[in-house]
Amino acid sequence: MHVRLSVMEITITMSLPDPASLPVPMGRRWIRLRARLTQGEVAHLLGVTRPTVTRWESGTIEPKGASRVLYAAFLRSLIWEPQPGPRGWP
């Protein structure tokens, strides 16, 4: 999705991410592991089965419809969520 904003004769064009865009399958797995979540935990949070998450992460199947939008939003939330640092760091 592209947005064009014109203010005082200055035009800014920017791309907004598609709400259903997903990283490549390996990236999905990496995001989950970085957040220290199991496939079962992700499945429970999204209301799907663990084998479904396994298939999404392997690229065997792609999520569709509302599941895709929810999964994409979930992964984005994990990317922006602060992760624990090394011992002694907040």
PDB file of N, CA and C in Angstrom:
ATOM      1  N   MET A   1       0.843  -1.155   0.000  1.00  0.00           N
ATOM      2  CA  MET A   1       0.000   0.000   0.000  1.00  0.00           C
ATOM      3  C   MET A   1       0.898   1.230   0.000  1.00  0.00           C
ATOM      4  N   HIS A   2       0.638   2.140  -0.881  1.00  0.00           N
ATOM      5  CA  HIS A   2       1.394   3.380  -0.958  1.00  0.00           C
ATOM      6  C   HIS A   2       0.516   4.529  -0.492  1.00  0.00           C
ATOM      7  N   VAL A   3       1.112   5.445   0.250  1.00  0.00           N
ATOM      8  CA  VAL A   3       0.397   6.614   0.744  1.00  0.00           C
ATOM      9  C   VAL A   3       1.125   7.840   0.244  1.00  0.00           C
ATOM     10  N   ARG A   4       0.390   8.784  -0.263  1.00  0.00           N
ATOM     11  CA  ARG A   4       0.973  10.036  -0.722  1.00  0.00           C
ATOM     12  C   ARG A   4       0.405  11.153   0.138  1.00  0.00           C
ATOM     13  N   LEU A   5       1.281  11.940   0.712  1.00  0.00           N
ATOM     14  CA  LEU A   5       0.901  13.041   1.584  1.00  0.00           C
ATOM     15  C   LEU A   5       1.481  14.322   1.017  1.00  0.00           C
ATOM     16  N   SER A   6       0.637  15.302   0.767  1.00  0.00           N
ATOM     17  CA  SER A   6       1.113  16.583   0.245  1.00  0.00           C
ATOM     18  C   SER A   6       0.791  17.685   1.247  1.00  0.00           C
ATOM     19  N   VAL A   7       1.826  18.371   1.683  1.00  0.00           N
ATOM     20  CA  VAL A   7       1.677  19.475   2.624  1.00  0.00           C
ATOM     21  C   VAL A   7       2.586  20.591   2.149  1.00  0.00           C
ATOM     22  N   MET A   8       2.027  21.783   1.995  1.00  0.00           N
ATOM     23  CA  MET A   8       2.807  22.959   1.613  1.00  0.00           C
ATOM     24  C   MET A   8       3.701  22.673   0.407  1.00  0.00           C
ATOM     25  N   GLU A   9       3.122  22.090  -0.632  1.00  0.00           N
ATOM     26  CA  GLU A   9       3.822  21.813  -1.878  1.00  0.00           C
ATOM     27  C   GLU A   9       4.968  20.808  -1.735  1.00  0.00           C
ATOM     28  N   ILE A  10       5.024  20.064  -0.631  1.00  0.00           N
ATOM     29  CA  ILE A  10       6.007  19.001  -0.446  1.00  0.00           C
ATOM     30  C   ILE A  10       5.234  17.688  -0.475  1.00  0.00           C
ATOM     31  N   THR A  11       5.663  16.802  -1.327  1.00  0.00           N
ATOM     32  CA  THR A  11       4.987  15.513  -1.442  1.00  0.00           C
ATOM     33  C   THR A  11       5.883  14.427  -0.884  1.00  0.00           C
ATOM     34  N   ILE A  12       5.327  13.632  -0.019  1.00  0.00           N
ATOM     35  CA  ILE A  12       6.038  12.498   0.572  1.00  0.00           C
ATOM     36  C   ILE A  12       5.285  11.240   0.164  1.00  0.00           C
ATOM     37  N   THR A  13       5.989  10.313  -0.401  1.00  0.00           N
ATOM     38  CA  THR A  13       5.397   9.023  -0.745  1.00  0.00           C
ATOM     39  C   THR A  13       6.080   7.961   0.091  1.00  0.00           C
ATOM     40  N   MET A  14       5.280   7.144   0.751  1.00  0.00           N
ATOM     41  CA  MET A  14       5.856   6.081   1.573  1.00  0.00           C
ATOM     42  C   MET A  14       5.042   4.816   1.387  1.00  0.00           C
ATOM     43  N   SER A  15       5.676   3.719   1.617  1.00  0.00           N
ATOM     44  CA  SER A  15       5.014   2.424   1.541  1.00  0.00           C
ATOM     45  C   SER A  15       4.660   1.964   2.938  1.00  0.00           C
ATOM     46  N   LEU A  16       3.433   1.558   3.097  1.00  0.00           N
ATOM     47  CA  LEU A  16       3.004   0.970   4.359  1.00  0.00           C
ATOM     48  C   LEU A  16       2.964  -0.538   4.161  1.00  0.00           C
ATOM     49  N   PRO A  17       3.379  -1.285   5.174  1.00  0.00           N
ATOM     50  CA  PRO A  17       3.392  -2.742   5.004  1.00  0.00           C
ATOM     51  C   PRO A  17       1.978  -3.295   4.862  1.00  0.00           C
ATOM     52  N   ASP A  18       1.854  -4.281   4.019  1.00  0.00           N
ATOM     53  CA  ASP A  18       0.592  -4.994   3.888  1.00  0.00           C
ATOM     54  C   ASP A  18       0.340  -5.695   5.220  1.00  0.00           C
ATOM     55  N   PRO A  19      -0.847  -5.525   5.812  1.00  0.00           N
ATOM     56  CA  PRO A  19      -1.093  -6.148   7.128  1.00  0.00           C
ATOM     57  C   PRO A  19      -0.985  -7.663   7.115  1.00  0.00           C
ATOM     58  N   ALA A  20      -1.035  -8.273   5.935  1.00  0.00           N
ATOM     59  CA  ALA A  20      -0.935  -9.730   5.857  1.00  0.00           C
ATOM     60  C   ALA A  20       0.415 -10.194   5.333  1.00  0.00           C
ATOM     61  N   SER A  21       1.388  -9.270   5.204  1.00  0.00           N
ATOM     62  CA  SER A  21       2.696  -9.700   4.698  1.00  0.00           C
ATOM     63  C   SER A  21       3.451 -10.461   5.786  1.00  0.00           C
ATOM     64  N   LEU A  22       4.091 -11.522   5.365  1.00  0.00           N
ATOM     65  CA  LEU A  22       4.820 -12.393   6.291  1.00  0.00           C
ATOM     66  C   LEU A  22       6.278 -12.489   5.885  1.00  0.00           C
ATOM     67  N   PRO A  23       7.156 -12.708   6.869  1.00  0.00           N
ATOM     68  CA  PRO A  23       8.547 -13.016   6.517  1.00  0.00           C
ATOM     69  C   PRO A  23       8.614 -14.384   5.848  1.00  0.00           C
ATOM     70  N   VAL A  24       9.769 -14.690   5.259  1.00  0.00           N
ATOM     71  CA  VAL A  24       9.968 -16.025   4.694  1.00  0.00           C
ATOM     72  C   VAL A  24       9.830 -17.048   5.822  1.00  0.00           C
ATOM     73  N   PRO A  25       9.509 -18.304   5.497  1.00  0.00           N
ATOM     74  CA  PRO A  25       9.295 -19.304   6.541  1.00  0.00           C
ATOM     75  C   PRO A  25      10.415 -19.383   7.589  1.00  0.00           C
ATOM     76  N   MET A  26      11.689 -19.382   7.178  1.00  0.00           N
ATOM     77  CA  MET A  26      12.781 -19.465   8.147  1.00  0.00           C
ATOM     78  C   MET A  26      12.769 -18.252   9.072  1.00  0.00           C
ATOM     79  N   GLY A  27      12.381 -17.100   8.552  1.00  0.00           N
ATOM     80  CA  GLY A  27      12.281 -15.887   9.373  1.00  0.00           C
ATOM     81  C   GLY A  27      11.190 -16.011  10.422  1.00  0.00           C
ATOM     82  N   ARG A  28      10.109 -16.660  10.076  1.00  0.00           N
ATOM     83  CA  ARG A  28       9.012 -16.875  11.032  1.00  0.00           C
ATOM     84  C   ARG A  28       9.524 -17.692  12.219  1.00  0.00           C
ATOM     85  N   ARG A  29      10.257 -18.743  11.898  1.00  0.00           N
ATOM     86  CA  ARG A  29      10.812 -19.608  12.949  1.00  0.00           C
ATOM     87  C   ARG A  29      11.803 -18.828  13.807  1.00  0.00           C
ATOM     88  N   TRP A  30      12.674 -18.048  13.164  1.00  0.00           N
ATOM     89  CA  TRP A  30      13.681 -17.276  13.883  1.00  0.00           C
ATOM     90  C   TRP A  30      13.018 -16.292  14.852  1.00  0.00           C
ATOM     91  N   ILE A  31      11.957 -15.620  14.414  1.00  0.00           N
ATOM     92  CA  ILE A  31      11.249 -14.663  15.272  1.00  0.00           C
ATOM     93  C   ILE A  31      10.677 -15.386  16.482  1.00  0.00           C
ATOM     94  N   ARG A  32      10.065 -16.562  16.252  1.00  0.00           N
ATOM     95  CA  ARG A  32       9.492 -17.324  17.371  1.00  0.00           C
ATOM     96  C   ARG A  32      10.565 -17.759  18.352  1.00  0.00           C
ATOM     97  N   LEU A  33      11.675 -18.285  17.839  1.00  0.00           N
ATOM     98  CA  LEU A  33      12.754 -18.747  18.730  1.00  0.00           C
ATOM     99  C   LEU A  33      13.366 -17.585  19.504  1.00  0.00           C
ATOM    100  N   ARG A  34      13.516 -16.445  18.854  1.00  0.00           N
ATOM    101  CA  ARG A  34      14.067 -15.261  19.526  1.00  0.00           C
ATOM    102  C   ARG A  34      13.176 -14.833  20.689  1.00  0.00           C
ATOM    103  N   ALA A  35      11.872 -15.039  20.523  1.00  0.00           N
ATOM    104  CA  ALA A  35      10.922 -14.691  21.587  1.00  0.00           C
ATOM    105  C   ALA A  35      10.807 -15.801  22.633  1.00  0.00           C
ATOM    106  N   ARG A  36      11.569 -16.881  22.423  1.00  0.00           N
ATOM    107  CA  ARG A  36      11.587 -18.014  23.358  1.00  0.00           C
ATOM    108  C   ARG A  36      10.206 -18.650  23.527  1.00  0.00           C
ATOM    109  N   LEU A  37       9.527 -18.826  22.399  1.00  0.00           N
ATOM    110  CA  LEU A  37       8.215 -19.462  22.397  1.00  0.00           C
ATOM    111  C   LEU A  37       8.311 -20.797  21.668  1.00  0.00           C
ATOM    112  N   THR A  38       7.528 -21.755  22.121  1.00  0.00           N
ATOM    113  CA  THR A  38       7.446 -23.037  21.424  1.00  0.00           C
ATOM    114  C   THR A  38       6.376 -22.943  20.341  1.00  0.00           C
ATOM    115  N   GLN A  39       6.413 -23.881  19.415  1.00  0.00           N
ATOM    116  CA  GLN A  39       5.361 -23.922  18.399  1.00  0.00           C
ATOM    117  C   GLN A  39       4.003 -24.155  19.054  1.00  0.00           C
ATOM    118  N   GLY A  40       3.975 -24.948  20.107  1.00  0.00           N
ATOM    119  CA  GLY A  40       2.728 -25.198  20.823  1.00  0.00           C
ATOM    120  C   GLY A  40       2.166 -23.935  21.451  1.00  0.00           C
ATOM    121  N   GLU A  41       3.038 -23.111  22.018  1.00  0.00           N
ATOM    122  CA  GLU A  41       2.577 -21.849  22.628  1.00  0.00           C
ATOM    123  C   GLU A  41       2.014 -20.903  21.568  1.00  0.00           C
ATOM    124  N   VAL A  42       2.708 -20.813  20.434  1.00  0.00           N
ATOM    125  CA  VAL A  42       2.226 -19.961  19.346  1.00  0.00           C
ATOM    126  C   VAL A  42       0.876 -20.482  18.855  1.00  0.00           C
ATOM    127  N   ALA A  43       0.775 -21.783  18.669  1.00  0.00           N
ATOM    128  CA  ALA A  43      -0.479 -22.386  18.217  1.00  0.00           C
ATOM    129  C   ALA A  43      -1.620 -22.050  19.172  1.00  0.00           C
ATOM    130  N   HIS A  44      -1.363 -22.193  20.464  1.00  0.00           N
ATOM    131  CA  HIS A  44      -2.390 -21.903  21.471  1.00  0.00           C
ATOM    132  C   HIS A  44      -2.826 -20.435  21.395  1.00  0.00           C
ATOM    133  N   LEU A  45      -1.859 -19.536  21.285  1.00  0.00           N
ATOM    134  CA  LEU A  45      -2.167 -18.105  21.231  1.00  0.00           C
ATOM    135  C   LEU A  45      -2.959 -17.720  19.980  1.00  0.00           C
ATOM    136  N   LEU A  46      -2.697 -18.429  18.880  1.00  0.00           N
ATOM    137  CA  LEU A  46      -3.362 -18.106  17.616  1.00  0.00           C
ATOM    138  C   LEU A  46      -4.611 -18.939  17.356  1.00  0.00           C
ATOM    139  N   GLY A  47      -4.856 -19.938  18.208  1.00  0.00           N
ATOM    140  CA  GLY A  47      -6.043 -20.772  18.036  1.00  0.00           C
ATOM    141  C   GLY A  47      -5.944 -21.762  16.886  1.00  0.00           C
ATOM    142  N   VAL A  48      -4.714 -22.245  16.640  1.00  0.00           N
ATOM    143  CA  VAL A  48      -4.497 -23.266  15.608  1.00  0.00           C
ATOM    144  C   VAL A  48      -3.767 -24.441  16.264  1.00  0.00           C
ATOM    145  N   THR A  49      -3.473 -25.469  15.490  1.00  0.00           N
ATOM    146  CA  THR A  49      -2.752 -26.618  16.039  1.00  0.00           C
ATOM    147  C   THR A  49      -1.241 -26.421  15.888  1.00  0.00           C
ATOM    148  N   ARG A  50      -0.471 -27.152  16.698  1.00  0.00           N
ATOM    149  CA  ARG A  50       0.987 -27.087  16.592  1.00  0.00           C
ATOM    150  C   ARG A  50       1.464 -27.523  15.209  1.00  0.00           C
ATOM    151  N   PRO A  51       0.893 -28.617  14.638  1.00  0.00           N
ATOM    152  CA  PRO A  51       1.329 -28.985  13.287  1.00  0.00           C
ATOM    153  C   PRO A  51       1.087 -27.874  12.251  1.00  0.00           C
ATOM    154  N   THR A  52       0.065 -27.070  12.456  1.00  0.00           N
ATOM    155  CA  THR A  52      -0.180 -25.954  11.537  1.00  0.00           C
ATOM    156  C   THR A  52       0.963 -24.953  11.608  1.00  0.00           C
ATOM    157  N   VAL A  53       1.397 -24.604  12.818  1.00  0.00           N
ATOM    158  CA  VAL A  53       2.521 -23.675  12.976  1.00  0.00           C
ATOM    159  C   VAL A  53       3.780 -24.278  12.356  1.00  0.00           C
ATOM    160  N   THR A  54       3.987 -25.580  12.556  1.00  0.00           N
ATOM    161  CA  THR A  54       5.129 -26.264  11.953  1.00  0.00           C
ATOM    162  C   THR A  54       5.107 -26.110  10.435  1.00  0.00           C
ATOM    163  N   ARG A  55       3.952 -26.300   9.832  1.00  0.00           N
ATOM    164  CA  ARG A  55       3.826 -26.184   8.375  1.00  0.00           C
ATOM    165  C   ARG A  55       4.045 -24.735   7.909  1.00  0.00           C
ATOM    166  N   TRP A  56       3.552 -23.764   8.678  1.00  0.00           N
ATOM    167  CA  TRP A  56       3.772 -22.359   8.326  1.00  0.00           C
ATOM    168  C   TRP A  56       5.258 -22.029   8.361  1.00  0.00           C
ATOM    169  N   GLU A  57       5.957 -22.538   9.381  1.00  0.00           N
ATOM    170  CA  GLU A  57       7.384 -22.247   9.529  1.00  0.00           C
ATOM    171  C   GLU A  57       8.254 -22.985   8.521  1.00  0.00           C
ATOM    172  N   SER A  58       7.778 -24.108   8.024  1.00  0.00           N
ATOM    173  CA  SER A  58       8.555 -24.867   7.041  1.00  0.00           C
ATOM    174  C   SER A  58       8.230 -24.433   5.615  1.00  0.00           C
ATOM    175  N   GLY A  59       7.153 -23.675   5.456  1.00  0.00           N
ATOM    176  CA  GLY A  59       6.740 -23.245   4.127  1.00  0.00           C
ATOM    177  C   GLY A  59       5.915 -24.280   3.392  1.00  0.00           C
ATOM    178  N   THR A  60       5.543 -25.367   4.082  1.00  0.00           N
ATOM    179  CA  THR A  60       4.720 -26.402   3.465  1.00  0.00           C
ATOM    180  C   THR A  60       3.363 -25.844   3.060  1.00  0.00           C
ATOM    181  N   ILE A  61       2.787 -25.026   3.939  1.00  0.00           N
ATOM    182  CA  ILE A  61       1.536 -24.332   3.624  1.00  0.00           C
ATOM    183  C   ILE A  61       1.687 -22.876   4.062  1.00  0.00           C
ATOM    184  N   GLU A  62       0.871 -22.026   3.492  1.00  0.00           N
ATOM    185  CA  GLU A  62       0.836 -20.621   3.863  1.00  0.00           C
ATOM    186  C   GLU A  62      -0.484 -20.343   4.571  1.00  0.00           C
ATOM    187  N   PRO A  63      -0.463 -19.550   5.637  1.00  0.00           N
ATOM    188  CA  PRO A  63      -1.731 -19.203   6.272  1.00  0.00           C
ATOM    189  C   PRO A  63      -2.579 -18.376   5.311  1.00  0.00           C
ATOM    190  N   LYS A  64      -3.869 -18.504   5.418  1.00  0.00           N
ATOM    191  CA  LYS A  64      -4.810 -17.805   4.535  1.00  0.00           C
ATOM    192  C   LYS A  64      -5.801 -16.984   5.360  1.00  0.00           C
ATOM    193  N   GLY A  65      -6.348 -15.970   4.741  1.00  0.00           N
ATOM    194  CA  GLY A  65      -7.437 -15.200   5.325  1.00  0.00           C
ATOM    195  C   GLY A  65      -7.095 -14.569   6.662  1.00  0.00           C
ATOM    196  N   ALA A  66      -8.039 -14.705   7.601  1.00  0.00           N
ATOM    197  CA  ALA A  66      -7.886 -14.093   8.920  1.00  0.00           C
ATOM    198  C   ALA A  66      -6.696 -14.670   9.676  1.00  0.00           C
ATOM    199  N   SER A  67      -6.416 -15.959   9.482  1.00  0.00           N
ATOM    200  CA  SER A  67      -5.266 -16.578  10.159  1.00  0.00           C
ATOM    201  C   SER A  67      -3.972 -15.916   9.721  1.00  0.00           C
ATOM    202  N   ARG A  68      -3.878 -15.578   8.440  1.00  0.00           N
ATOM    203  CA  ARG A  68      -2.671 -14.942   7.912  1.00  0.00           C
ATOM    204  C   ARG A  68      -2.481 -13.554   8.522  1.00  0.00           C
ATOM    205  N   VAL A  69      -3.556 -12.776   8.579  1.00  0.00           N
ATOM    206  CA  VAL A  69      -3.475 -11.426   9.146  1.00  0.00           C
ATOM    207  C   VAL A  69      -3.111 -11.501  10.630  1.00  0.00           C
ATOM    208  N   LEU A  70      -3.730 -12.418  11.356  1.00  0.00           N
ATOM    209  CA  LEU A  70      -3.441 -12.575  12.781  1.00  0.00           C
ATOM    210  C   LEU A  70      -1.999 -13.019  13.008  1.00  0.00           C
ATOM    211  N   TYR A  71      -1.529 -13.985  12.228  1.00  0.00           N
ATOM    212  CA  TYR A  71      -0.155 -14.491  12.354  1.00  0.00           C
ATOM    213  C   TYR A  71       0.851 -13.383  12.035  1.00  0.00           C
ATOM    214  N   ALA A  72       0.588 -12.620  10.984  1.00  0.00           N
ATOM    215  CA  ALA A  72       1.483 -11.515  10.613  1.00  0.00           C
ATOM    216  C   ALA A  72       1.558 -10.476  11.726  1.00  0.00           C
ATOM    217  N   ALA A  73       0.402 -10.116  12.292  1.00  0.00           N
ATOM    218  CA  ALA A  73       0.381  -9.139  13.392  1.00  0.00           C
ATOM    219  C   ALA A  73       1.106  -9.684  14.613  1.00  0.00           C
ATOM    220  N   PHE A  74       0.915 -10.973  14.888  1.00  0.00           N
ATOM    221  CA  PHE A  74       1.585 -11.612  16.018  1.00  0.00           C
ATOM    222  C   PHE A  74       3.104 -11.563  15.851  1.00  0.00           C
ATOM    223  N   LEU A  75       3.592 -11.923  14.658  1.00  0.00           N
ATOM    224  CA  LEU A  75       5.035 -11.895  14.419  1.00  0.00           C
ATOM    225  C   LEU A  75       5.587 -10.472  14.530  1.00  0.00           C
ATOM    226  N   ARG A  76       4.858  -9.500  13.989  1.00  0.00           N
ATOM    227  CA  ARG A  76       5.310  -8.103  14.115  1.00  0.00           C
ATOM    228  C   ARG A  76       5.386  -7.690  15.575  1.00  0.00           C
ATOM    229  N   SER A  77       4.431  -8.136  16.380  1.00  0.00           N
ATOM    230  CA  SER A  77       4.461  -7.770  17.808  1.00  0.00           C
ATOM    231  C   SER A  77       5.682  -8.373  18.496  1.00  0.00           C
ATOM    232  N   LEU A  78       6.102  -9.550  18.069  1.00  0.00           N
ATOM    233  CA  LEU A  78       7.291 -10.178  18.658  1.00  0.00           C
ATOM    234  C   LEU A  78       8.562  -9.444  18.256  1.00  0.00           C
ATOM    235  N   ILE A  79       8.580  -8.916  17.035  1.00  0.00           N
ATOM    236  CA  ILE A  79       9.754  -8.180  16.567  1.00  0.00           C
ATOM    237  C   ILE A  79       9.954  -6.918  17.394  1.00  0.00           C
ATOM    238  N   TRP A  80       8.865  -6.241  17.710  1.00  0.00           N
ATOM    239  CA  TRP A  80       8.958  -4.960  18.424  1.00  0.00           C
ATOM    240  C   TRP A  80       8.947  -5.111  19.928  1.00  0.00           C
ATOM    241  N   GLU A  81       8.703  -6.313  20.423  1.00  0.00           N
ATOM    242  CA  GLU A  81       8.689  -6.562  21.867  1.00  0.00           C
ATOM    243  C   GLU A  81      10.123  -6.610  22.381  1.00  0.00           C
ATOM    244  N   PRO A  82      10.452  -5.850  23.421  1.00  0.00           N
ATOM    245  CA  PRO A  82      11.817  -5.914  23.959  1.00  0.00           C
ATOM    246  C   PRO A  82      12.137  -7.345  24.414  1.00  0.00           C
ATOM    247  N   GLN A  83      13.318  -7.786  24.068  1.00  0.00           N
ATOM    248  CA  GLN A  83      13.745  -9.125  24.439  1.00  0.00           C
ATOM    249  C   GLN A  83      14.728  -9.037  25.616  1.00  0.00           C
ATOM    250  N   PRO A  84      14.764 -10.056  26.458  1.00  0.00           N
ATOM    251  CA  PRO A  84      15.713 -10.045  27.581  1.00  0.00           C
ATOM    252  C   PRO A  84      17.138  -9.942  27.074  1.00  0.00           C
ATOM    253  N   GLY A  85      17.946  -9.162  27.760  1.00  0.00           N
ATOM    254  CA  GLY A  85      19.353  -9.008  27.395  1.00  0.00           C
ATOM    255  C   GLY A  85      20.219  -9.988  28.145  1.00  0.00           C
ATOM    256  N   PRO A  86      21.539  -9.817  28.055  1.00  0.00           N
ATOM    257  CA  PRO A  86      22.451 -10.688  28.797  1.00  0.00           C
ATOM    258  C   PRO A  86      22.209 -10.569  30.297  1.00  0.00           C
ATOM    259  N   ARG A  87      22.688 -11.533  31.030  1.00  0.00           N
ATOM    260  CA  ARG A  87      22.499 -11.559  32.481  1.00  0.00           C
ATOM    261  C   ARG A  87      22.919 -10.217  33.091  1.00  0.00           C
ATOM    262  N   GLY A  88      22.061  -9.701  33.943  1.00  0.00           N
ATOM    263  CA  GLY A  88      22.344  -8.433  34.609  1.00  0.00           C
ATOM    264  C   GLY A  88      21.794  -7.226  33.874  1.00  0.00           C
ATOM    265  N   TRP A  89      21.303  -7.425  32.654  1.00  0.00           N
ATOM    266  CA  TRP A  89      20.690  -6.336  31.890  1.00  0.00           C
ATOM    267  C   TRP A  89      19.184  -6.411  32.033  1.00  0.00           C
ATOM    268  N   PRO A  90      18.500  -5.294  31.928  1.00  0.00           N
ATOM    269  CA  PRO A  90      17.034  -5.342  32.057  1.00  0.00           C
ATOM    270  C   PRO A  90      16.386  -6.105  30.932  1.00  0.00           C
TER     271      PRO A  90
END
